[in-house]
Amino acid sequence: DVGAWSWKSNRTSIKHAIENSLIDCQKNNK
């Protein structure tokens, strides 16, 4: 909600895409 963002694609599953984009977003949103 403060604007940090990330997206991931070409993962082995939707679950991995969700987890990886959240982890990367959290790094940008420390």
PDB file of all heavy atoms in Angstrom:
ATOM      1  N   ASP A   1       0.806  -1.223   0.000  1.00  0.00           N
ATOM      2  CA  ASP A   1       0.000   0.000   0.000  1.00  0.00           C
ATOM      3  C   ASP A   1       0.839   1.274   0.000  1.00  0.00           C
ATOM      4  O   ASP A   1       0.288   2.366  -0.070  1.00  0.00           O
ATOM      5  CB  ASP A   1      -0.960   0.012   1.190  1.00  0.00           C
ATOM      6  CG  ASP A   1      -2.105  -0.970   1.005  1.00  0.00           C
ATOM      7  OD1 ASP A   1      -2.401  -1.330  -0.153  1.00  0.00           O
ATOM      8  OD2 ASP A   1      -2.712  -1.365   2.009  1.00  0.00           O
ATOM      9  N   VAL A   2       2.152   1.159   0.103  1.00  0.00           N
ATOM     10  CA  VAL A   2       3.013   2.338   0.003  1.00  0.00           C
ATOM     11  C   VAL A   2       3.736   2.408  -1.329  1.00  0.00           C
ATOM     12  O   VAL A   2       4.537   3.298  -1.558  1.00  0.00           O
ATOM     13  CB  VAL A   2       4.024   2.431   1.172  1.00  0.00           C
ATOM     14  CG1 VAL A   2       3.324   2.720   2.469  1.00  0.00           C
ATOM     15  CG2 VAL A   2       4.881   1.207   1.263  1.00  0.00           C
ATOM     16  N   GLY A   3       3.461   1.445  -2.223  1.00  0.00           N
ATOM     17  CA  GLY A   3       3.992   1.519  -3.581  1.00  0.00           C
ATOM     18  C   GLY A   3       5.114   0.559  -3.929  1.00  0.00           C
ATOM     19  O   GLY A   3       5.512   0.487  -5.090  1.00  0.00           O
ATOM     20  N   ALA A   4       5.651  -0.186  -2.975  1.00  0.00           N
ATOM     21  CA  ALA A   4       6.675  -1.181  -3.305  1.00  0.00           C
ATOM     22  C   ALA A   4       6.011  -2.270  -4.145  1.00  0.00           C
ATOM     23  O   ALA A   4       4.852  -2.604  -3.932  1.00  0.00           O
ATOM     24  CB  ALA A   4       7.281  -1.775  -2.045  1.00  0.00           C
ATOM     25  N   TRP A   5       6.729  -2.822  -5.127  1.00  0.00           N
ATOM     26  CA  TRP A   5       6.117  -3.812  -6.005  1.00  0.00           C
ATOM     27  C   TRP A   5       7.174  -4.747  -6.579  1.00  0.00           C
ATOM     28  O   TRP A   5       8.363  -4.478  -6.539  1.00  0.00           O
ATOM     29  CB  TRP A   5       5.374  -3.125  -7.157  1.00  0.00           C
ATOM     30  CG  TRP A   5       6.267  -2.265  -8.010  1.00  0.00           C
ATOM     31  CD1 TRP A   5       6.623  -0.973  -7.755  1.00  0.00           C
ATOM     32  CD2 TRP A   5       6.944  -2.638  -9.197  1.00  0.00           C
ATOM     33  NE1 TRP A   5       7.477  -0.513  -8.721  1.00  0.00           N
ATOM     34  CE2 TRP A   5       7.689  -1.521  -9.632  1.00  0.00           C
ATOM     35  CE3 TRP A   5       6.998  -3.798  -9.954  1.00  0.00           C
ATOM     36  CZ2 TRP A   5       8.477  -1.534 -10.779  1.00  0.00           C
ATOM     37  CZ3 TRP A   5       7.782  -3.821 -11.105  1.00  0.00           C
ATOM     38  CH2 TRP A   5       8.508  -2.696 -11.508  1.00  0.00           C
ATOM     39  N   SER A   6       6.716  -5.852  -7.122  1.00  0.00           N
ATOM     40  CA  SER A   6       7.566  -6.810  -7.819  1.00  0.00           C
ATOM     41  C   SER A   6       6.674  -7.801  -8.550  1.00  0.00           C
ATOM     42  O   SER A   6       5.539  -8.037  -8.142  1.00  0.00           O
ATOM     43  CB  SER A   6       8.449  -7.570  -6.824  1.00  0.00           C
ATOM     44  OG  SER A   6       9.219  -8.542  -7.505  1.00  0.00           O
ATOM     45  N   TRP A   7       7.181  -8.355  -9.637  1.00  0.00           N
ATOM     46  CA  TRP A   7       6.457  -9.431 -10.304  1.00  0.00           C
ATOM     47  C   TRP A   7       7.449 -10.481 -10.765  1.00  0.00           C
ATOM     48  O   TRP A   7       8.615 -10.193 -11.004  1.00  0.00           O
ATOM     49  CB  TRP A   7       5.597  -8.912 -11.454  1.00  0.00           C
ATOM     50  CG  TRP A   7       6.329  -8.271 -12.596  1.00  0.00           C
ATOM     51  CD1 TRP A   7       6.605  -6.950 -12.733  1.00  0.00           C
ATOM     52  CD2 TRP A   7       6.863  -8.918 -13.749  1.00  0.00           C
ATOM     53  NE1 TRP A   7       7.279  -6.723 -13.899  1.00  0.00           N
ATOM     54  CE2 TRP A   7       7.444  -7.925 -14.553  1.00  0.00           C
ATOM     55  CE3 TRP A   7       6.920 -10.235 -14.194  1.00  0.00           C
ATOM     56  CZ2 TRP A   7       8.077  -8.198 -15.766  1.00  0.00           C
ATOM     57  CZ3 TRP A   7       7.538 -10.509 -15.402  1.00  0.00           C
ATOM     58  CH2 TRP A   7       8.097  -9.505 -16.177  1.00  0.00           C
ATOM     59  N   LYS A   8       6.980 -11.681 -10.830  1.00  0.00           N
ATOM     60  CA  LYS A   8       7.800 -12.814 -11.280  1.00  0.00           C
ATOM     61  C   LYS A   8       6.995 -13.644 -12.267  1.00  0.00           C
ATOM     62  O   LYS A   8       5.782 -13.772 -12.158  1.00  0.00           O
ATOM     63  CB  LYS A   8       8.218 -13.704 -10.097  1.00  0.00           C
ATOM     64  CG  LYS A   8       9.083 -13.004  -9.080  1.00  0.00           C
ATOM     65  CD  LYS A   8      10.408 -12.596  -9.668  1.00  0.00           C
ATOM     66  CE  LYS A   8      11.252 -11.873  -8.637  1.00  0.00           C
ATOM     67  NZ  LYS A   8      12.366 -11.166  -9.210  1.00  0.00           N
ATOM     68  N   SER A   9       7.699 -14.210 -13.226  1.00  0.00           N
ATOM     69  CA  SER A   9       7.037 -15.068 -14.216  1.00  0.00           C
ATOM     70  C   SER A   9       7.945 -16.250 -14.550  1.00  0.00           C
ATOM     71  O   SER A   9       9.066 -16.342 -14.063  1.00  0.00           O
ATOM     72  CB  SER A   9       6.737 -14.273 -15.495  1.00  0.00           C
ATOM     73  OG  SER A   9       7.950 -13.928 -16.146  1.00  0.00           O
ATOM     74  N   ASN A  10       7.412 -17.143 -15.401  1.00  0.00           N
ATOM     75  CA  ASN A  10       8.151 -18.316 -15.871  1.00  0.00           C
ATOM     76  C   ASN A  10       8.624 -19.182 -14.703  1.00  0.00           C
ATOM     77  O   ASN A  10       9.743 -19.662 -14.685  1.00  0.00           O
ATOM     78  CB  ASN A  10       9.331 -17.886 -16.753  1.00  0.00           C
ATOM     79  CG  ASN A  10       9.859 -19.048 -17.569  1.00  0.00           C
ATOM     80  OD1 ASN A  10       9.142 -20.009 -17.846  1.00  0.00           O
ATOM     81  ND2 ASN A  10      11.122 -18.968 -17.959  1.00  0.00           N
ATOM     82  N   ARG A  11       7.745 -19.361 -13.719  1.00  0.00           N
ATOM     83  CA  ARG A  11       8.046 -20.223 -12.577  1.00  0.00           C
ATOM     84  C   ARG A  11       7.432 -21.598 -12.825  1.00  0.00           C
ATOM     85  O   ARG A  11       6.611 -21.781 -13.714  1.00  0.00           O
ATOM     86  CB  ARG A  11       7.512 -19.623 -11.277  1.00  0.00           C
ATOM     87  CG  ARG A  11       8.123 -18.262 -10.912  1.00  0.00           C
ATOM     88  CD  ARG A  11       9.641 -18.395 -10.771  1.00  0.00           C
ATOM     89  NE  ARG A  11      10.264 -17.228 -10.217  1.00  0.00           N
ATOM     90  CZ  ARG A  11      11.013 -16.379 -10.909  1.00  0.00           C
ATOM     91  NH1 ARG A  11      11.195 -16.552 -12.192  1.00  0.00           N
ATOM     92  NH2 ARG A  11      11.600 -15.366 -10.324  1.00  0.00           N
ATOM     93  N   THR A  12       7.812 -22.570 -12.036  1.00  0.00           N
ATOM     94  CA  THR A  12       7.316 -23.935 -12.231  1.00  0.00           C
ATOM     95  C   THR A  12       5.855 -24.091 -11.848  1.00  0.00           C
ATOM     96  O   THR A  12       5.202 -25.030 -12.287  1.00  0.00           O
ATOM     97  CB  THR A  12       8.167 -24.939 -11.428  1.00  0.00           C
ATOM     98  OG1 THR A  12       8.172 -24.545 -10.057  1.00  0.00           O
ATOM     99  CG2 THR A  12       9.593 -24.994 -11.956  1.00  0.00           C
ATOM    100  N   SER A  13       5.350 -23.175 -11.017  1.00  0.00           N
ATOM    101  CA  SER A  13       3.936 -23.221 -10.633  1.00  0.00           C
ATOM    102  C   SER A  13       3.473 -21.822 -10.236  1.00  0.00           C
ATOM    103  O   SER A  13       4.290 -20.925 -10.006  1.00  0.00           O
ATOM    104  CB  SER A  13       3.724 -24.181  -9.460  1.00  0.00           C
ATOM    105  OG  SER A  13       4.309 -23.647  -8.285  1.00  0.00           O
ATOM    106  N   ILE A  14       2.175 -21.663 -10.140  1.00  0.00           N
ATOM    107  CA  ILE A  14       1.624 -20.386  -9.693  1.00  0.00           C
ATOM    108  C   ILE A  14       2.062 -20.114  -8.258  1.00  0.00           C
ATOM    109  O   ILE A  14       2.383 -18.984  -7.896  1.00  0.00           O
ATOM    110  CB  ILE A  14       0.086 -20.388  -9.816  1.00  0.00           C
ATOM    111  CG1 ILE A  14      -0.311 -20.401 -11.284  1.00  0.00           C
ATOM    112  CG2 ILE A  14      -0.525 -19.193  -9.116  1.00  0.00           C
ATOM    113  CD1 ILE A  14      -1.792 -20.544 -11.530  1.00  0.00           C
ATOM    114  N   LYS A  15       2.096 -21.175  -7.438  1.00  0.00           N
ATOM    115  CA  LYS A  15       2.516 -21.018  -6.043  1.00  0.00           C
ATOM    116  C   LYS A  15       3.919 -20.429  -5.961  1.00  0.00           C
ATOM    117  O   LYS A  15       4.172 -19.509  -5.173  1.00  0.00           O
ATOM    118  CB  LYS A  15       2.469 -22.374  -5.337  1.00  0.00           C
ATOM    119  CG  LYS A  15       2.899 -22.317  -3.897  1.00  0.00           C
ATOM    120  CD  LYS A  15       2.908 -23.688  -3.265  1.00  0.00           C
ATOM    121  CE  LYS A  15       3.478 -23.598  -1.848  1.00  0.00           C
ATOM    122  NZ  LYS A  15       3.727 -24.891  -1.259  1.00  0.00           N
ATOM    123  N   HIS A  16       4.840 -20.917  -6.792  1.00  0.00           N
ATOM    124  CA  HIS A  16       6.214 -20.388  -6.783  1.00  0.00           C
ATOM    125  C   HIS A  16       6.249 -18.946  -7.279  1.00  0.00           C
ATOM    126  O   HIS A  16       7.008 -18.124  -6.763  1.00  0.00           O
ATOM    127  CB  HIS A  16       7.143 -21.260  -7.618  1.00  0.00           C
ATOM    128  CG  HIS A  16       7.468 -22.564  -6.975  1.00  0.00           C
ATOM    129  ND1 HIS A  16       7.352 -23.757  -7.625  1.00  0.00           N
ATOM    130  CD2 HIS A  16       7.886 -22.856  -5.711  1.00  0.00           C
ATOM    131  CE1 HIS A  16       7.684 -24.739  -6.808  1.00  0.00           C
ATOM    132  NE2 HIS A  16       8.004 -24.216  -5.640  1.00  0.00           N
ATOM    133  N   ALA A  17       5.445 -18.626  -8.267  1.00  0.00           N
ATOM    134  CA  ALA A  17       5.394 -17.252  -8.766  1.00  0.00           C
ATOM    135  C   ALA A  17       4.902 -16.308  -7.675  1.00  0.00           C
ATOM    136  O   ALA A  17       5.452 -15.217  -7.479  1.00  0.00           O
ATOM    137  CB  ALA A  17       4.497 -17.170  -9.995  1.00  0.00           C
ATOM    138  N   ILE A  18       3.859 -16.720  -6.956  1.00  0.00           N
ATOM    139  CA  ILE A  18       3.319 -15.904  -5.866  1.00  0.00           C
ATOM    140  C   ILE A  18       4.362 -15.714  -4.766  1.00  0.00           C
ATOM    141  O   ILE A  18       4.622 -14.594  -4.325  1.00  0.00           O
ATOM    142  CB  ILE A  18       2.027 -16.543  -5.297  1.00  0.00           C
ATOM    143  CG1 ILE A  18       0.887 -16.417  -6.312  1.00  0.00           C
ATOM    144  CG2 ILE A  18       1.638 -15.917  -3.966  1.00  0.00           C
ATOM    145  CD1 ILE A  18      -0.366 -17.195  -5.939  1.00  0.00           C
ATOM    146  N   GLU A  19       4.979 -16.810  -4.328  1.00  0.00           N
ATOM    147  CA  GLU A  19       5.977 -16.719  -3.263  1.00  0.00           C
ATOM    148  C   GLU A  19       7.156 -15.843  -3.664  1.00  0.00           C
ATOM    149  O   GLU A  19       7.597 -14.987  -2.890  1.00  0.00           O
ATOM    150  CB  GLU A  19       6.469 -18.117  -2.874  1.00  0.00           C
ATOM    151  CG  GLU A  19       5.454 -18.922  -2.101  1.00  0.00           C
ATOM    152  CD  GLU A  19       5.923 -20.348  -1.807  1.00  0.00           C
ATOM    153  OE1 GLU A  19       7.028 -20.731  -2.248  1.00  0.00           O
ATOM    154  OE2 GLU A  19       5.176 -21.063  -1.125  1.00  0.00           O
ATOM    155  N   ASN A  20       7.675 -16.032  -4.893  1.00  0.00           N
ATOM    156  CA  ASN A  20       8.835 -15.261  -5.335  1.00  0.00           C
ATOM    157  C   ASN A  20       8.529 -13.776  -5.505  1.00  0.00           C
ATOM    158  O   ASN A  20       9.346 -12.926  -5.146  1.00  0.00           O
ATOM    159  CB  ASN A  20       9.386 -15.822  -6.647  1.00  0.00           C
ATOM    160  CG  ASN A  20      10.018 -17.196  -6.513  1.00  0.00           C
ATOM    161  OD1 ASN A  20      10.189 -17.912  -7.486  1.00  0.00           O
ATOM    162  ND2 ASN A  20      10.379 -17.590  -5.294  1.00  0.00           N
ATOM    163  N   SER A  21       7.352 -13.454  -6.008  1.00  0.00           N
ATOM    164  CA  SER A  21       7.009 -12.029  -6.162  1.00  0.00           C
ATOM    165  C   SER A  21       6.789 -11.377  -4.791  1.00  0.00           C
ATOM    166  O   SER A  21       7.173 -10.221  -4.591  1.00  0.00           O
ATOM    167  CB  SER A  21       5.789 -11.846  -7.061  1.00  0.00           C
ATOM    168  OG  SER A  21       4.645 -12.413  -6.479  1.00  0.00           O
ATOM    169  N   LEU A  22       6.198 -12.109  -3.846  1.00  0.00           N
ATOM    170  CA  LEU A  22       6.027 -11.568  -2.492  1.00  0.00           C
ATOM    171  C   LEU A  22       7.378 -11.351  -1.803  1.00  0.00           C
ATOM    172  O   LEU A  22       7.596 -10.314  -1.173  1.00  0.00           O
ATOM    173  CB  LEU A  22       5.154 -12.495  -1.650  1.00  0.00           C
ATOM    174  CG  LEU A  22       3.654 -12.387  -1.871  1.00  0.00           C
ATOM    175  CD1 LEU A  22       2.918 -13.489  -1.113  1.00  0.00           C
ATOM    176  CD2 LEU A  22       3.127 -11.030  -1.458  1.00  0.00           C
ATOM    177  N   ILE A  23       8.281 -12.312  -1.926  1.00  0.00           N
ATOM    178  CA  ILE A  23       9.606 -12.188  -1.303  1.00  0.00           C
ATOM    179  C   ILE A  23      10.348 -10.984  -1.867  1.00  0.00           C
ATOM    180  O   ILE A  23      10.921 -10.177  -1.127  1.00  0.00           O
ATOM    181  CB  ILE A  23      10.422 -13.488  -1.485  1.00  0.00           C
ATOM    182  CG1 ILE A  23       9.839 -14.597  -0.623  1.00  0.00           C
ATOM    183  CG2 ILE A  23      11.895 -13.267  -1.154  1.00  0.00           C
ATOM    184  CD1 ILE A  23      10.387 -15.985  -0.927  1.00  0.00           C
ATOM    185  N   ASP A  24      10.309 -10.820  -3.186  1.00  0.00           N
ATOM    186  CA  ASP A  24      11.002  -9.697  -3.815  1.00  0.00           C
ATOM    187  C   ASP A  24      10.342  -8.364  -3.445  1.00  0.00           C
ATOM    188  O   ASP A  24      11.024  -7.368  -3.193  1.00  0.00           O
ATOM    189  CB  ASP A  24      11.026  -9.881  -5.339  1.00  0.00           C
ATOM    190  CG  ASP A  24      12.128  -9.087  -5.998  1.00  0.00           C
ATOM    191  OD1 ASP A  24      13.221  -8.976  -5.405  1.00  0.00           O
ATOM    192  OD2 ASP A  24      11.893  -8.565  -7.106  1.00  0.00           O
ATOM    193  N   CYS A  25       9.038  -8.337  -3.391  1.00  0.00           N
ATOM    194  CA  CYS A  25       8.318  -7.129  -2.991  1.00  0.00           C
ATOM    195  C   CYS A  25       8.674  -6.759  -1.547  1.00  0.00           C
ATOM    196  O   CYS A  25       8.891  -5.587  -1.233  1.00  0.00           O
ATOM    197  CB  CYS A  25       6.810  -7.334  -3.147  1.00  0.00           C
ATOM    198  SG  CYS A  25       5.814  -5.899  -2.687  1.00  0.00           S
ATOM    199  N   GLN A  26       8.747  -7.756  -0.674  1.00  0.00           N
ATOM    200  CA  GLN A  26       9.096  -7.513   0.728  1.00  0.00           C
ATOM    201  C   GLN A  26      10.503  -6.939   0.860  1.00  0.00           C
ATOM    202  O   GLN A  26      10.759  -6.108   1.717  1.00  0.00           O
ATOM    203  CB  GLN A  26       8.945  -8.790   1.535  1.00  0.00           C
ATOM    204  CG  GLN A  26       7.499  -9.194   1.711  1.00  0.00           C
ATOM    205  CD  GLN A  26       7.334 -10.629   2.189  1.00  0.00           C
ATOM    206  OE1 GLN A  26       8.287 -11.401   2.240  1.00  0.00           O
ATOM    207  NE2 GLN A  26       6.104 -10.989   2.524  1.00  0.00           N
ATOM    208  N   LYS A  27      11.414  -7.362  -0.003  1.00  0.00           N
ATOM    209  CA  LYS A  27      12.768  -6.796   0.004  1.00  0.00           C
ATOM    210  C   LYS A  27      12.724  -5.311  -0.358  1.00  0.00           C
ATOM    211  O   LYS A  27      13.484  -4.516   0.180  1.00  0.00           O
ATOM    212  CB  LYS A  27      13.669  -7.540  -0.983  1.00  0.00           C
ATOM    213  CG  LYS A  27      14.069  -8.922  -0.526  1.00  0.00           C
ATOM    214  CD  LYS A  27      14.927  -9.609  -1.574  1.00  0.00           C
ATOM    215  CE  LYS A  27      15.215 -11.041  -1.192  1.00  0.00           C
ATOM    216  NZ  LYS A  27      15.939 -11.765  -2.263  1.00  0.00           N
ATOM    217  N   ASN A  28      11.841  -4.958  -1.287  1.00  0.00           N
ATOM    218  CA  ASN A  28      11.698  -3.551  -1.689  1.00  0.00           C
ATOM    219  C   ASN A  28      10.912  -2.734  -0.672  1.00  0.00           C
ATOM    220  O   ASN A  28      10.859  -1.515  -0.770  1.00  0.00           O
ATOM    221  CB  ASN A  28      10.984  -3.458  -3.045  1.00  0.00           C
ATOM    222  CG  ASN A  28      11.758  -4.120  -4.148  1.00  0.00           C
ATOM    223  OD1 ASN A  28      12.983  -4.189  -4.118  1.00  0.00           O
ATOM    224  ND2 ASN A  28      11.055  -4.621  -5.147  1.00  0.00           N
ATOM    225  N   ASN A  29      10.290  -3.409   0.274  1.00  0.00           N
ATOM    226  CA  ASN A  29       9.367  -2.766   1.215  1.00  0.00           C
ATOM    227  C   ASN A  29       9.827  -2.925   2.666  1.00  0.00           C
ATOM    228  O   ASN A  29       9.017  -2.884   3.577  1.00  0.00           O
ATOM    229  CB  ASN A  29       7.973  -3.383   1.026  1.00  0.00           C
ATOM    230  CG  ASN A  29       6.876  -2.589   1.673  1.00  0.00           C
ATOM    231  OD1 ASN A  29       6.923  -1.382   1.747  1.00  0.00           O
ATOM    232  ND2 ASN A  29       5.864  -3.294   2.151  1.00  0.00           N
ATOM    233  N   LYS A  30      11.114  -3.094   2.900  1.00  0.00           N
ATOM    234  CA  LYS A  30      11.633  -3.403   4.240  1.00  0.00           C
ATOM    235  C   LYS A  30      11.156  -2.437   5.313  1.00  0.00           C
ATOM    236  O   LYS A  30      10.761  -2.851   6.398  1.00  0.00           O
ATOM    237  CB  LYS A  30      13.165  -3.417   4.230  1.00  0.00           C
ATOM    238  CG  LYS A  30      13.752  -4.631   3.598  1.00  0.00           C
ATOM    239  CD  LYS A  30      15.262  -4.584   3.647  1.00  0.00           C
ATOM    240  CE  LYS A  30      15.844  -5.772   2.920  1.00  0.00           C
ATOM    241  NZ  LYS A  30      17.295  -5.710   2.856  1.00  0.00           N
TER     242      LYS A  30
END
